[in-house]
Amino acid sequence: MDDEKLLTGAECAALWRVDPATITRWARQELIPCVRTPGGRRRYRESEMRALIAGRTVLRAVDVA
């Protein structure tokens, strides 16, 4: 069993210091990875979020054109 801590959107937003809706939007755009609970909710691996924030992982580039 995976003992990795999963964060809610609100907890993830607090780490990033953004609105929870921004986290949802990033996940829908596949800019940040998420997992789905059996109930369909998004959860975010704490280690992945901290790696992204620390710059050890790069967000997927998005075309802005």
C-alpha atoms as a PDB file:
ATOM      1  CA  MET A   1       0.000   0.000   0.000  1.00  0.00           C
ATOM      2  CA  ASP A   2       1.201   3.486  -0.858  1.00  0.00           C
ATOM      3  CA  ASP A   3       1.737   5.566   2.293  1.00  0.00           C
ATOM      4  CA  GLU A   4       2.179   8.797   0.332  1.00  0.00           C
ATOM      5  CA  LYS A   5       0.165  11.694   1.712  1.00  0.00           C
ATOM      6  CA  LEU A   6      -2.530  12.916  -0.658  1.00  0.00           C
ATOM      7  CA  LEU A   7      -3.572  16.550  -0.495  1.00  0.00           C
ATOM      8  CA  THR A   8      -6.980  18.019  -1.185  1.00  0.00           C
ATOM      9  CA  GLY A   9      -7.312  20.873  -3.646  1.00  0.00           C
ATOM     10  CA  ALA A  10      -7.500  23.352  -0.775  1.00  0.00           C
ATOM     11  CA  GLU A  11      -4.355  21.961   0.869  1.00  0.00           C
ATOM     12  CA  CYS A  12      -2.531  22.010  -2.458  1.00  0.00           C
ATOM     13  CA  ALA A  13      -3.682  25.593  -3.077  1.00  0.00           C
ATOM     14  CA  ALA A  14      -2.280  26.625   0.307  1.00  0.00           C
ATOM     15  CA  LEU A  15       1.123  25.198  -0.676  1.00  0.00           C
ATOM     16  CA  TRP A  16       1.094  27.077  -3.973  1.00  0.00           C
ATOM     17  CA  ARG A  17      -0.554  30.166  -2.432  1.00  0.00           C
ATOM     18  CA  VAL A  18      -3.252  30.256  -5.083  1.00  0.00           C
ATOM     19  CA  ASP A  19      -7.026  29.894  -5.132  1.00  0.00           C
ATOM     20  CA  PRO A  20      -8.295  26.284  -5.037  1.00  0.00           C
ATOM     21  CA  ALA A  21     -10.023  26.884  -8.391  1.00  0.00           C
ATOM     22  CA  THR A  22      -6.580  27.482  -9.902  1.00  0.00           C
ATOM     23  CA  ILE A  23      -5.427  24.049  -8.738  1.00  0.00           C
ATOM     24  CA  THR A  24      -8.502  22.463 -10.325  1.00  0.00           C
ATOM     25  CA  ARG A  25      -7.871  24.333 -13.568  1.00  0.00           C
ATOM     26  CA  TRP A  26      -4.193  23.282 -13.629  1.00  0.00           C
ATOM     27  CA  ALA A  27      -5.205  19.656 -13.062  1.00  0.00           C
ATOM     28  CA  ARG A  28      -7.822  19.789 -15.855  1.00  0.00           C
ATOM     29  CA  GLN A  29      -5.174  21.249 -18.171  1.00  0.00           C
ATOM     30  CA  GLU A  30      -2.782  18.483 -17.046  1.00  0.00           C
ATOM     31  CA  LEU A  31      -0.257  21.030 -15.796  1.00  0.00           C
ATOM     32  CA  ILE A  32      -0.048  19.253 -12.453  1.00  0.00           C
ATOM     33  CA  PRO A  33      -0.567  15.542 -11.778  1.00  0.00           C
ATOM     34  CA  CYS A  34      -3.501  14.294  -9.760  1.00  0.00           C
ATOM     35  CA  VAL A  35      -5.087  11.016  -8.781  1.00  0.00           C
ATOM     36  CA  ARG A  36      -8.791  10.318  -8.509  1.00  0.00           C
ATOM     37  CA  THR A  37     -10.471   8.867  -5.448  1.00  0.00           C
ATOM     38  CA  PRO A  38     -13.109   6.150  -5.903  1.00  0.00           C
ATOM     39  CA  GLY A  39     -15.667   8.963  -5.533  1.00  0.00           C
ATOM     40  CA  GLY A  40     -14.096  10.929  -8.410  1.00  0.00           C
ATOM     41  CA  ARG A  41     -12.407  13.639  -6.328  1.00  0.00           C
ATOM     42  CA  ARG A  42      -8.972  14.907  -7.281  1.00  0.00           C
ATOM     43  CA  ARG A  43      -6.094  14.425  -4.867  1.00  0.00           C
ATOM     44  CA  TYR A  44      -2.510  15.546  -5.253  1.00  0.00           C
ATOM     45  CA  ARG A  45       0.600  13.717  -4.063  1.00  0.00           C
ATOM     46  CA  GLU A  46       2.387  15.931  -1.573  1.00  0.00           C
ATOM     47  CA  SER A  47       5.839  14.859  -2.776  1.00  0.00           C
ATOM     48  CA  GLU A  48       4.981  15.766  -6.388  1.00  0.00           C
ATOM     49  CA  MET A  49       3.648  19.185  -5.402  1.00  0.00           C
ATOM     50  CA  ARG A  50       6.699  19.957  -3.275  1.00  0.00           C
ATOM     51  CA  ALA A  51       9.002  18.859  -6.129  1.00  0.00           C
ATOM     52  CA  LEU A  52       7.176  21.160  -8.547  1.00  0.00           C
ATOM     53  CA  ILE A  53       7.371  24.084  -6.137  1.00  0.00           C
ATOM     54  CA  ALA A  54      11.076  23.446  -5.511  1.00  0.00           C
ATOM     55  CA  GLY A  55      11.707  23.402  -9.250  1.00  0.00           C
ATOM     56  CA  ARG A  56      12.871  19.783  -9.370  1.00  0.00           C
ATOM     57  CA  THR A  57      10.110  19.032 -11.856  1.00  0.00           C
ATOM     58  CA  VAL A  58       8.907  21.184 -14.720  1.00  0.00           C
ATOM     59  CA  LEU A  59       5.270  21.938 -15.454  1.00  0.00           C
ATOM     60  CA  ARG A  60       4.150  20.849 -18.905  1.00  0.00           C
ATOM     61  CA  ALA A  61       4.411  23.717 -21.383  1.00  0.00           C
ATOM     62  CA  VAL A  62       1.131  25.105 -22.689  1.00  0.00           C
ATOM     63  CA  ASP A  63       0.676  26.939 -25.959  1.00  0.00           C
ATOM     64  CA  VAL A  64      -0.656  30.409 -25.311  1.00  0.00           C
ATOM     65  CA  ALA A  65      -1.287  31.294 -28.938  1.00  0.00           C
END
